[in-house]
Amino acid sequence: MLSNIKHLAHKLTPLLIDIRRHLHSHPELSGQEYQTAAYVAGVLSAHGLSVQEGVGKVGVVGELRGQNAVSRLLAIRTDMDALPIQERTGLDYASQHSKIMHACGHDVHTAVGLGTALVLAQVAQELLGNVRFLFQPAEELAEGAAWMIQDGVMDKVTAILSLHVFPSIPAGSVGIRYGALTAAADDLEITIHGESGHGARPHEAIDAIWIASQVITTLQQAISRTQNPLRPVVLSIGQIQGGRAPNVIADHVQLLGTVRTLHPETREKLPAWIEKIVANICGSYGARYEVNYGRGVPSVQNNLALSQLLETAAQEAWGKERVQILTEPSLGAEDFSLYLEHAPGSMFRLGVGHKDKPNYPLHHPQFEVDESSIVTGVVTMAYAAYKYWQQSY
């Protein structure tokens, strides 16, 4: 079966590169993937899959029936949205839309998802169960997975697989991570209320800007002395708003930031920990405060057995030397984690790094991939899907 999957994937490679370049030239922002979704639906329909559009607002679901309709149901998830970035790659197929770019590789994800569907459609008689392909919008907003789940895409799903490009891994290789792959990402809003006054007489006012600076500094310092260093916490304040004039003491400051954690226990205690620090500082100087802690997506926790499945499939397909076991997680976030609340799953890293030119990071205006990675992703995913029914979970 592996040789057949490889043959089919290599035969499809020119088409998949064309698909990827079309998607790259026509990126769409989160929640606006109308043309992308229509294009994906058209490709799936043309190759015999049952297709449902408008799932999760602008998502697409493709259903492939194997030989045993009552067997376990495997889902394969792909995200489709682009970023509000002006592309600076200089490629012939660069984005045709101003200030919109596939700078996170979701065009590659979609091409791999379609390639996997097309390959498995040609060997459906060998599959011992059904495959559901999820083409999801709005991953960059961390909202699309929730939209898809609300529309029932995880009904009866017994396992789910996914992938994400990784420029620090060379094309032709894949990365497998056991356990935590990405961090939980939460939103933080702190508002400090002081009393306005003349800039020349600060003792008659309550300076919200100065108090805000104490809050920021203390939060950053306290992390290293009150949180377990083996359970990392990243708290970043990315936006500060306050003040009306250079010579007027500010009476109101708003701090907006993000909090990243890997361990659920650490995440659970952080809201109270943050508020206690803010309360103590504001209380010392007579200020009032508000803390709003918004829970975002949880950490992606890769299932052990399904990660082993991906590792074995990749090693059999490409050899052990092209499979990296990733020893560290990322503190980036992924709403793939929401699917894992409904079924076990695992996400692997697809190497897209060039060997002969600079590799820019994700979300960079010059980010670009080695397109030879597409066939690597398709073979790894399709073969893992085939092997899923050969083992018990």
Protein backbone atom coordinates (compact mmCIF):
# COMPACT_ATOMS: atom_id res chain seq x y z
CA MET A 1 0.00 0.00 0.00
CA LEU A 2 2.81 2.44 0.81
CA SER A 3 4.32 2.14 -2.66
CA ASN A 4 0.89 2.71 -4.20
CA ILE A 5 0.27 5.80 -2.05
CA LYS A 6 3.69 7.17 -2.98
CA HIS A 7 3.07 6.54 -6.67
CA LEU A 8 -0.31 8.27 -6.57
CA ALA A 9 1.06 11.23 -4.58
CA HIS A 10 3.98 11.78 -6.94
CA LYS A 11 1.64 11.55 -9.92
CA LEU A 12 -0.56 14.24 -8.35
CA THR A 13 2.34 16.52 -7.40
CA PRO A 14 2.14 18.89 -10.42
CA LEU A 15 -1.60 19.38 -9.79
CA LEU A 16 -1.05 19.94 -6.08
CA ILE A 17 1.64 22.55 -6.74
CA ASP A 18 -0.74 24.32 -9.10
CA ILE A 19 -3.43 24.20 -6.43
CA ARG A 20 -1.07 25.60 -3.81
CA ARG A 21 0.06 28.42 -6.10
CA HIS A 22 -3.52 29.32 -6.96
CA LEU A 23 -4.39 29.51 -3.29
CA HIS A 24 -1.26 31.51 -2.55
CA SER A 25 -2.17 34.03 -5.25
CA HIS A 26 -5.72 34.39 -3.96
CA PRO A 27 -5.53 34.49 -0.15
CA GLU A 28 -8.56 35.33 1.98
CA LEU A 29 -8.74 36.53 5.56
CA SER A 30 -10.30 34.62 8.44
CA GLY A 31 -14.04 34.17 8.06
CA GLN A 32 -13.92 35.43 4.47
CA GLU A 33 -12.67 32.28 2.73
CA TYR A 34 -15.59 32.13 0.27
CA GLN A 35 -13.59 31.64 -2.93
CA THR A 36 -11.13 29.30 -1.23
CA ALA A 37 -13.98 27.16 0.10
CA ALA A 38 -15.68 27.03 -3.30
CA TYR A 39 -12.41 26.03 -4.92
CA VAL A 40 -11.78 23.28 -2.35
CA ALA A 41 -15.34 21.97 -2.71
CA GLY A 42 -14.93 21.86 -6.48
CA VAL A 43 -11.74 19.81 -6.29
CA LEU A 44 -13.26 17.35 -3.81
CA SER A 45 -16.46 16.95 -5.83
CA ALA A 46 -14.54 16.40 -9.05
CA HIS A 47 -12.77 13.45 -7.44
CA GLY A 48 -15.85 11.70 -6.14
CA LEU A 49 -16.07 12.82 -2.53
CA SER A 50 -19.35 13.76 -0.91
CA VAL A 51 -19.10 17.48 -0.11
CA GLN A 52 -20.91 19.79 2.28
CA GLU A 53 -20.31 23.54 2.06
CA GLY A 54 -21.11 26.33 4.49
CA VAL A 55 -20.03 24.29 7.50
CA GLY A 56 -18.60 26.42 10.28
CA LYS A 57 -19.80 29.50 8.36
CA VAL A 58 -17.43 29.12 5.37
CA GLY A 59 -15.85 25.72 5.96
CA VAL A 60 -16.03 22.60 3.80
CA VAL A 61 -16.43 18.94 4.77
CA GLY A 62 -15.57 16.08 2.46
CA GLU A 63 -16.68 12.53 3.23
CA LEU A 64 -14.89 9.46 1.87
CA ARG A 65 -16.52 6.08 2.44
CA GLY A 66 -14.31 3.09 3.09
CA GLN A 67 -15.31 -0.56 3.20
CA ASN A 68 -16.77 -0.61 6.71
CA ALA A 69 -19.37 2.09 7.33
CA VAL A 70 -19.69 1.23 11.03
CA SER A 71 -15.97 1.24 11.72
CA ARG A 72 -14.14 4.05 13.47
CA LEU A 73 -14.30 7.45 11.78
CA LEU A 74 -11.03 9.28 11.15
CA ALA A 75 -11.03 13.06 10.61
CA ILE A 76 -8.26 15.01 8.89
CA ARG A 77 -8.29 18.73 9.58
CA THR A 78 -6.90 21.49 7.34
CA ASP A 79 -7.05 25.27 7.83
CA MET A 80 -7.51 27.68 4.90
CA ASP A 81 -7.19 31.33 6.04
CA ALA A 82 -4.47 33.89 5.34
CA LEU A 83 -3.05 36.81 7.32
CA PRO A 84 -3.31 40.63 7.01
CA ILE A 85 0.30 40.96 5.81
CA GLN A 86 1.70 42.63 2.69
CA GLU A 87 3.67 39.96 0.83
CA ARG A 88 7.30 40.74 -0.07
CA THR A 89 8.48 37.43 -1.57
CA GLY A 90 8.69 38.60 -5.20
CA LEU A 91 7.27 35.28 -6.39
CA ASP A 92 5.56 35.02 -9.77
CA TYR A 93 2.50 33.68 -7.93
CA ALA A 94 2.62 36.17 -5.06
CA SER A 95 -0.60 37.39 -3.49
CA GLN A 96 -2.79 39.40 -5.83
CA HIS A 97 -4.62 40.93 -2.86
CA SER A 98 -3.10 43.93 -1.15
CA LYS A 99 -2.12 43.38 2.48
CA ILE A 100 -3.29 39.74 2.53
CA MET A 101 -0.82 36.86 2.42
CA HIS A 102 -0.52 33.15 3.13
CA ALA A 103 2.32 33.80 5.57
CA CYS A 104 1.53 30.83 7.81
CA GLY A 105 1.45 28.08 5.20
CA HIS A 106 -2.27 27.41 5.17
CA ASP A 107 -2.11 27.27 1.37
CA VAL A 108 0.26 24.31 1.78
CA HIS A 109 -2.02 22.80 4.41
CA THR A 110 -4.97 22.99 2.02
CA ALA A 111 -2.97 21.50 -0.84
CA VAL A 112 -1.84 18.63 1.41
CA GLY A 113 -5.39 18.09 2.65
CA LEU A 114 -6.71 17.95 -0.89
CA GLY A 115 -3.86 15.71 -2.00
CA THR A 116 -4.56 13.31 0.86
CA ALA A 117 -8.23 13.20 -0.09
CA LEU A 118 -7.42 12.56 -3.75
CA VAL A 119 -4.96 9.79 -2.95
CA LEU A 120 -7.24 8.04 -0.47
CA ALA A 121 -10.17 8.33 -2.88
CA GLN A 122 -8.22 6.14 -5.30
CA VAL A 123 -7.59 3.46 -2.67
CA ALA A 124 -10.94 3.67 -0.89
CA GLN A 125 -11.52 -0.04 -1.43
CA GLU A 126 -8.53 -0.68 0.85
CA LEU A 127 -9.75 1.53 3.69
CA LEU A 128 -11.49 -0.22 6.58
CA GLY A 129 -13.40 2.87 7.66
CA ASN A 130 -14.56 6.30 6.61
CA VAL A 131 -12.50 9.51 6.43
CA ARG A 132 -13.91 12.98 7.06
CA PHE A 133 -11.89 15.88 5.67
CA LEU A 134 -12.36 19.17 7.51
CA PHE A 135 -11.35 22.33 5.67
CA GLN A 136 -11.60 24.96 8.37
CA PRO A 137 -11.81 28.77 8.22
CA ALA A 138 -10.51 31.33 10.72
CA GLU A 139 -7.72 29.44 12.47
CA GLU A 140 -5.77 32.69 12.78
CA LEU A 141 -8.60 34.10 14.89
CA ALA A 142 -8.78 30.86 16.89
CA GLU A 143 -12.50 30.77 16.12
CA GLY A 144 -12.96 28.48 13.12
CA ALA A 145 -12.61 25.19 14.96
CA ALA A 146 -15.40 26.18 17.36
CA TRP A 147 -17.62 27.10 14.39
CA MET A 148 -16.98 23.73 12.76
CA ILE A 149 -17.58 21.79 15.96
CA GLN A 150 -20.82 23.67 16.57
CA ASP A 151 -22.00 22.45 13.16
CA GLY A 152 -21.37 18.84 14.14
CA VAL A 153 -18.16 17.93 12.30
CA MET A 154 -16.91 15.87 15.25
CA ASP A 155 -20.02 13.71 15.50
CA LYS A 156 -18.95 10.04 15.60
CA VAL A 157 -15.27 10.97 14.99
CA THR A 158 -12.97 8.57 16.84
CA ALA A 159 -9.62 10.21 15.98
CA ILE A 160 -8.34 13.31 14.23
CA LEU A 161 -5.03 14.15 12.54
CA SER A 162 -3.56 17.41 11.30
CA LEU A 163 -0.29 19.08 10.32
CA HIS A 164 1.41 22.45 10.36
CA VAL A 165 4.34 23.65 8.26
CA PHE A 166 7.61 24.34 10.06
CA PRO A 167 10.36 26.33 8.29
CA SER A 168 13.09 25.24 10.72
CA ILE A 169 12.69 21.62 9.55
CA PRO A 170 14.05 20.95 6.04
CA ALA A 171 11.64 19.99 3.30
CA GLY A 172 11.38 16.23 2.98
CA SER A 173 11.38 15.72 6.73
CA VAL A 174 8.64 15.74 9.35
CA GLY A 175 8.61 16.49 13.06
CA ILE A 176 6.72 14.44 15.65
CA ARG A 177 5.93 15.85 19.06
CA TYR A 178 4.69 13.75 21.97
CA GLY A 179 2.53 15.51 24.54
CA ALA A 180 2.15 19.30 24.50
CA LEU A 181 2.67 20.74 21.02
CA THR A 182 1.36 24.29 21.48
CA ALA A 183 0.37 26.53 24.36
CA ALA A 184 -2.93 27.70 25.70
CA ALA A 185 -3.44 31.31 24.63
CA ASP A 186 -5.50 33.61 26.84
CA ASP A 187 -6.32 37.32 26.59
CA LEU A 188 -5.59 39.78 29.37
CA GLU A 189 -7.15 43.22 29.87
CA ILE A 190 -6.19 45.37 32.86
CA THR A 191 -7.74 48.78 33.42
CA ILE A 192 -6.30 51.12 36.03
CA HIS A 193 -8.30 54.10 37.29
CA GLY A 194 -6.42 56.94 38.98
CA GLU A 195 -7.09 60.66 39.47
CA SER A 196 -6.12 63.31 36.95
CA GLY A 197 -4.04 66.34 37.86
CA HIS A 198 -1.39 68.79 36.70
CA GLY A 199 1.84 67.25 35.52
CA ALA A 200 3.76 69.69 37.73
CA ARG A 201 1.93 68.52 40.88
CA PRO A 202 1.84 64.72 40.72
CA HIS A 203 1.38 64.42 44.49
CA GLU A 204 -2.14 65.83 44.10
CA ALA A 205 -3.12 63.13 41.58
CA ILE A 206 -3.08 59.36 41.28
CA ASP A 207 -0.90 58.64 38.26
CA ALA A 208 -2.43 55.74 36.33
CA ILE A 209 0.50 55.57 33.89
CA TRP A 210 3.08 55.23 36.63
CA ILE A 211 0.96 52.64 38.43
CA ALA A 212 0.54 50.73 35.16
CA SER A 213 4.32 50.64 34.78
CA GLN A 214 4.60 49.12 38.26
CA VAL A 215 2.01 46.50 37.35
CA ILE A 216 3.85 45.51 34.17
CA THR A 217 7.24 45.35 35.87
CA THR A 218 5.97 43.39 38.85
CA LEU A 219 4.11 40.85 36.73
CA GLN A 220 7.24 40.17 34.67
CA GLN A 221 9.48 39.91 37.72
CA ALA A 222 7.06 37.82 39.75
CA ILE A 223 6.82 35.12 37.07
CA SER A 224 10.46 34.15 37.64
CA ARG A 225 10.06 33.98 41.42
CA THR A 226 6.57 32.59 41.97
CA GLN A 227 5.93 30.30 38.98
CA ASN A 228 7.53 26.89 38.46
CA PRO A 229 10.32 27.45 35.89
CA LEU A 230 9.73 23.93 34.56
CA ARG A 231 6.17 24.97 33.67
CA PRO A 232 6.71 28.06 31.53
CA VAL A 233 4.47 31.12 31.55
CA VAL A 234 4.76 33.92 29.01
CA LEU A 235 2.86 37.11 29.78
CA SER A 236 3.26 39.87 27.21
CA ILE A 237 1.60 43.28 27.28
CA GLY A 238 1.26 44.29 23.66
CA GLN A 239 -0.85 47.43 23.89
CA ILE A 240 -1.08 50.38 26.29
CA GLN A 241 -3.69 53.14 26.02
CA GLY A 242 -3.88 56.13 28.33
CA GLY A 243 -3.27 59.82 28.82
CA ARG A 244 -4.57 62.97 27.12
CA ALA A 245 -1.69 65.47 27.13
CA PRO A 246 2.02 65.62 28.04
CA ASN A 247 1.40 67.86 31.07
CA VAL A 248 -1.68 66.09 32.47
CA ILE A 249 -1.50 63.16 34.87
CA ALA A 250 -3.41 60.27 33.29
CA ASP A 251 -6.44 59.06 35.20
CA HIS A 252 -7.09 55.98 33.09
CA VAL A 253 -4.81 53.36 31.51
CA GLN A 254 -5.75 50.16 29.69
CA LEU A 255 -3.27 47.31 29.26
CA LEU A 256 -3.93 44.56 26.70
CA GLY A 257 -1.85 41.42 26.51
CA THR A 258 -1.57 37.69 26.00
CA VAL A 259 -0.81 34.86 28.43
CA ARG A 260 0.68 31.57 27.22
CA THR A 261 0.92 28.35 29.24
CA LEU A 262 1.53 24.67 28.57
CA HIS A 263 0.16 23.05 31.73
CA PRO A 264 -3.56 23.14 32.59
CA GLU A 265 -2.84 23.44 36.32
CA THR A 266 -0.72 26.55 35.80
CA ARG A 267 -3.30 28.08 33.49
CA GLU A 268 -6.06 27.53 36.05
CA LYS A 269 -4.38 29.56 38.79
CA LEU A 270 -3.08 32.47 36.70
CA PRO A 271 -6.22 34.71 36.68
CA ALA A 272 -6.28 34.92 40.49
CA TRP A 273 -2.49 35.31 40.65
CA ILE A 274 -2.55 38.24 38.20
CA GLU A 275 -5.44 39.96 39.94
CA LYS A 276 -3.78 39.69 43.34
CA ILE A 277 -0.67 41.49 42.06
CA VAL A 278 -2.75 44.22 40.38
CA ALA A 279 -4.88 44.65 43.50
CA ASN A 280 -1.88 44.97 45.80
CA ILE A 281 -0.16 47.60 43.65
CA CYS A 282 -3.29 49.64 43.01
CA GLY A 283 -4.28 49.44 46.66
CA SER A 284 -0.88 50.78 47.73
CA TYR A 285 -1.34 53.95 45.68
CA GLY A 286 -5.08 54.55 45.94
CA ALA A 287 -6.02 53.45 42.45
CA ARG A 288 -8.93 51.28 41.35
CA TYR A 289 -8.64 48.50 38.82
CA GLU A 290 -10.44 45.98 36.64
CA VAL A 291 -8.97 42.70 35.42
CA ASN A 292 -10.64 40.76 32.62
CA TYR A 293 -9.06 37.40 31.86
CA GLY A 294 -10.42 35.85 28.68
CA ARG A 295 -9.81 32.18 28.12
CA GLY A 296 -8.76 31.38 24.58
CA VAL A 297 -7.90 28.01 23.08
CA PRO A 298 -6.26 25.36 25.26
CA SER A 299 -2.93 23.67 24.65
CA VAL A 300 -2.67 21.07 21.91
CA GLN A 301 -1.92 17.80 23.71
CA ASN A 302 -0.97 15.16 21.17
CA ASN A 303 -2.31 11.68 21.85
CA LEU A 304 0.46 9.14 22.49
CA ALA A 305 -0.88 6.34 20.29
CA LEU A 306 -1.73 8.62 17.37
CA SER A 307 1.66 10.33 17.59
CA GLN A 308 3.24 6.88 17.44
CA LEU A 309 1.08 6.13 14.40
CA LEU A 310 2.37 9.28 12.64
CA GLU A 311 5.97 8.52 13.60
CA THR A 312 5.75 4.95 12.33
CA ALA A 313 4.06 6.00 9.09
CA ALA A 314 6.66 8.70 8.44
CA GLN A 315 9.59 6.41 9.23
CA GLU A 316 8.29 3.66 6.94
CA ALA A 317 7.68 6.21 4.19
CA TRP A 318 10.89 8.26 4.43
CA GLY A 319 13.32 6.51 6.77
CA LYS A 320 14.23 7.32 10.37
CA GLU A 321 16.76 9.96 9.32
CA ARG A 322 13.96 12.15 7.95
CA VAL A 323 11.78 11.99 11.07
CA GLN A 324 12.61 14.35 13.91
CA ILE A 325 11.28 13.82 17.42
CA LEU A 326 10.66 17.35 18.68
CA THR A 327 11.85 17.80 22.26
CA GLU A 328 10.29 21.22 22.81
CA PRO A 329 6.76 22.56 22.35
CA SER A 330 5.82 25.90 20.85
CA LEU A 331 4.25 28.72 22.85
CA GLY A 332 2.21 29.61 19.80
CA ALA A 333 -1.46 28.63 19.82
CA GLU A 334 -3.61 26.37 17.62
CA ASP A 335 -7.37 25.91 17.73
CA PHE A 336 -6.84 22.30 16.66
CA SER A 337 -6.87 21.83 20.44
CA LEU A 338 -10.65 22.31 20.46
CA TYR A 339 -11.17 19.19 18.35
CA LEU A 340 -9.17 17.25 20.94
CA GLU A 341 -11.88 17.92 23.49
CA HIS A 342 -14.09 15.61 21.39
CA ALA A 343 -11.67 12.92 20.17
CA PRO A 344 -8.00 11.99 20.55
CA GLY A 345 -5.71 13.41 17.92
CA SER A 346 -2.22 14.43 16.92
CA MET A 347 -0.65 17.15 14.77
CA PHE A 348 2.73 16.74 13.11
CA ARG A 349 5.15 19.36 11.81
CA LEU A 350 5.80 19.34 8.07
CA GLY A 351 9.27 20.53 7.15
CA VAL A 352 9.22 23.22 4.45
CA GLY A 353 12.70 24.70 4.90
CA HIS A 354 14.90 25.47 1.90
CA LYS A 355 18.42 24.09 1.73
CA ASP A 356 19.83 26.82 -0.52
CA LYS A 357 18.21 30.10 0.57
CA PRO A 358 17.07 31.91 3.74
CA ASN A 359 14.14 30.49 5.67
CA TYR A 360 11.96 33.22 7.11
CA PRO A 361 9.72 32.49 10.09
CA LEU A 362 5.96 32.06 10.02
CA HIS A 363 4.00 35.32 9.73
CA HIS A 364 6.92 37.05 7.98
CA PRO A 365 6.21 38.98 4.74
CA GLN A 366 8.98 37.00 3.00
CA PHE A 367 7.91 33.59 4.30
CA GLU A 368 8.08 30.97 1.56
CA VAL A 369 8.16 27.18 1.43
CA ASP A 370 9.99 24.49 -0.50
CA GLU A 371 7.12 22.99 -2.48
CA SER A 372 8.69 19.55 -2.51
CA SER A 373 7.29 19.32 1.01
CA ILE A 374 3.77 18.90 -0.33
CA VAL A 375 4.28 15.31 -1.45
CA THR A 376 5.96 14.54 1.89
CA GLY A 377 2.87 15.78 3.71
CA VAL A 378 0.44 13.92 1.47
CA VAL A 379 2.22 10.58 1.72
CA THR A 380 2.70 10.85 5.49
CA MET A 381 -0.94 11.77 6.12
CA ALA A 382 -2.46 9.32 3.64
CA TYR A 383 -0.34 6.41 4.84
CA ALA A 384 -1.07 7.21 8.49
CA ALA A 385 -4.78 7.28 7.64
CA TYR A 386 -4.52 3.88 5.96
CA LYS A 387 -2.63 2.42 8.92
CA TYR A 388 -5.14 3.82 11.41
CA TRP A 389 -7.50 0.89 10.87
CA GLN A 390 -4.70 -1.66 11.12
CA GLN A 391 -4.20 -0.91 14.82
CA SER A 392 -6.43 -0.71 17.88
CA TYR A 393 -6.80 2.50 19.90
